Amino acid sequence: MSFLPEPLKIISRIRPDLVTVTVRGEIDVATAPQFRHAMTDRLAHGSASSLALDLSGVSFIDCAGVQALLVVQRTAQLLGGDLILTRTSPQVARLVDLLGLRFQLAATGPPDRAAASA
């Protein structure tokens, strides 16, 4: 059994109207800056202003990760777009629900059926 943190992996698909990003690993105090920078960079330097995040592969998220999500959401809004959580892991869904952020983060996207059933 290993207690080493799972490294952050970010995979992007860029279309003219939407950037879709799949994230795997942990978004915590150590990786949140990398995550935030990667997401805001994709928004600021791409032609799409909306970002769809698949967080189903995120095994852990802490308050630094939530703060990074909120920064990305605000960046998307300032660019006239949205942050849409398309899928979440149970860990992410639980934290977002506990903090009352579900609708704030997925306000313009469809409800996350996987998270809703968790």
Protein backbone atom coordinates (compact mmCIF):
# COMPACT_ATOMS: atom_id res chain seq x y z
CA MET A 1 0.00 0.00 0.00
CA SER A 2 1.42 3.33 -1.05
CA PHE A 3 0.79 6.64 0.67
CA LEU A 4 2.45 8.73 -2.03
CA PRO A 5 0.16 11.33 -3.59
CA GLU A 6 -1.17 10.58 -7.03
CA PRO A 7 0.48 12.94 -9.54
CA LEU A 8 -1.75 15.41 -11.35
CA LYS A 9 -2.49 14.58 -15.00
CA ILE A 10 -4.31 17.03 -17.27
CA ILE A 11 -5.55 16.09 -20.74
CA SER A 12 -7.24 18.70 -22.96
CA ARG A 13 -9.42 18.62 -26.05
CA ILE A 14 -9.77 22.03 -27.62
CA ARG A 15 -12.64 23.02 -29.90
CA PRO A 16 -13.46 26.54 -31.08
CA ASP A 17 -16.40 26.87 -28.69
CA LEU A 18 -15.32 24.72 -25.74
CA VAL A 19 -12.22 23.37 -24.04
CA THR A 20 -12.77 19.96 -22.45
CA VAL A 21 -10.28 18.95 -19.79
CA THR A 22 -9.93 15.61 -18.03
CA VAL A 23 -8.09 15.74 -14.71
CA ARG A 24 -6.66 12.77 -12.84
CA GLY A 25 -4.84 12.66 -9.50
CA GLU A 26 -5.03 14.94 -6.48
CA ILE A 27 -5.82 18.65 -6.44
CA ASP A 28 -4.37 19.83 -3.16
CA VAL A 29 -2.12 22.50 -1.72
CA ALA A 30 0.82 21.05 -3.68
CA THR A 31 -0.90 20.71 -7.08
CA ALA A 32 -3.59 23.43 -6.99
CA PRO A 33 -1.27 26.11 -8.45
CA GLN A 34 -0.39 23.80 -11.36
CA PHE A 35 -4.08 23.01 -11.90
CA ARG A 36 -5.16 26.66 -11.71
CA HIS A 37 -2.41 27.81 -14.06
CA ALA A 38 -3.17 25.07 -16.60
CA MET A 39 -6.90 25.86 -16.61
CA THR A 40 -6.60 29.65 -16.78
CA ASP A 41 -3.93 29.30 -19.47
CA ARG A 42 -6.29 27.19 -21.60
CA LEU A 43 -8.98 29.83 -21.20
CA ALA A 44 -6.81 32.90 -21.69
CA HIS A 45 -4.81 31.65 -24.68
CA GLY A 46 -7.48 29.68 -26.50
CA SER A 47 -10.38 30.78 -28.63
CA ALA A 48 -12.98 29.15 -26.35
CA SER A 49 -14.18 30.93 -23.23
CA SER A 50 -15.98 27.95 -21.70
CA LEU A 51 -14.30 25.08 -19.92
CA ALA A 52 -15.84 21.65 -19.34
CA LEU A 53 -14.08 19.74 -16.57
CA ASP A 54 -14.18 15.98 -16.11
CA LEU A 55 -13.03 15.48 -12.53
CA SER A 56 -14.07 11.82 -12.30
CA GLY A 57 -10.41 10.82 -11.97
CA VAL A 58 -9.67 13.18 -9.07
CA SER A 59 -9.01 11.03 -6.01
CA PHE A 60 -8.62 13.91 -3.53
CA ILE A 61 -9.36 17.63 -3.39
CA ASP A 62 -8.77 20.04 -0.52
CA CYS A 63 -9.61 23.69 0.12
CA ALA A 64 -6.74 24.81 -2.13
CA GLY A 65 -8.28 22.75 -4.94
CA VAL A 66 -11.71 24.29 -4.34
CA GLN A 67 -10.16 27.75 -4.36
CA ALA A 68 -8.49 26.92 -7.69
CA LEU A 69 -11.86 25.82 -9.11
CA LEU A 70 -13.39 29.13 -8.04
CA VAL A 71 -10.54 31.10 -9.63
CA VAL A 72 -11.00 29.17 -12.88
CA GLN A 73 -14.75 29.78 -12.74
CA ARG A 74 -14.21 33.53 -12.25
CA THR A 75 -11.66 33.64 -15.09
CA ALA A 76 -14.14 31.93 -17.42
CA GLN A 77 -16.86 34.41 -16.39
CA LEU A 78 -14.59 37.38 -17.02
CA LEU A 79 -13.95 36.02 -20.52
CA GLY A 80 -17.69 35.63 -21.13
CA GLY A 81 -17.74 31.88 -20.64
CA ASP A 82 -18.57 29.25 -18.06
CA LEU A 83 -17.02 26.51 -15.97
CA ILE A 84 -19.00 23.30 -16.34
CA LEU A 85 -18.36 20.21 -14.22
CA THR A 86 -19.32 17.38 -16.54
CA ARG A 87 -18.28 14.50 -14.28
CA THR A 88 -16.92 14.30 -10.77
CA SER A 89 -15.52 11.65 -8.49
CA PRO A 90 -17.46 10.94 -5.30
CA GLN A 91 -14.79 12.84 -3.34
CA VAL A 92 -15.19 15.98 -5.45
CA ALA A 93 -18.99 15.74 -5.54
CA ARG A 94 -19.18 15.41 -1.75
CA LEU A 95 -16.94 18.42 -1.09
CA VAL A 96 -18.72 20.59 -3.67
CA ASP A 97 -22.08 19.61 -2.15
CA LEU A 98 -20.93 20.20 1.44
CA LEU A 99 -19.70 23.67 0.51
CA GLY A 100 -22.90 24.46 -1.37
CA LEU A 101 -21.02 25.08 -4.62
CA ARG A 102 -22.72 22.53 -6.90
CA PHE A 103 -24.94 25.04 -8.67
CA GLN A 104 -22.35 27.78 -8.62
CA LEU A 105 -19.83 25.62 -10.47
CA ALA A 106 -22.29 23.85 -12.79
CA ALA A 107 -24.76 26.70 -13.18
CA THR A 108 -24.94 26.51 -16.97
CA GLY A 109 -24.16 22.85 -17.42
CA PRO A 110 -26.34 19.79 -17.05
CA PRO A 111 -26.54 18.21 -13.60
CA ASP A 112 -23.90 15.64 -12.89
CA ARG A 113 -25.79 12.36 -12.86
CA ALA A 114 -22.85 10.33 -11.56
CA ALA A 115 -22.35 12.67 -8.61
CA ALA A 116 -26.06 12.93 -7.90
CA SER A 117 -26.31 9.17 -7.45
CA ALA A 118 -23.22 9.03 -5.18
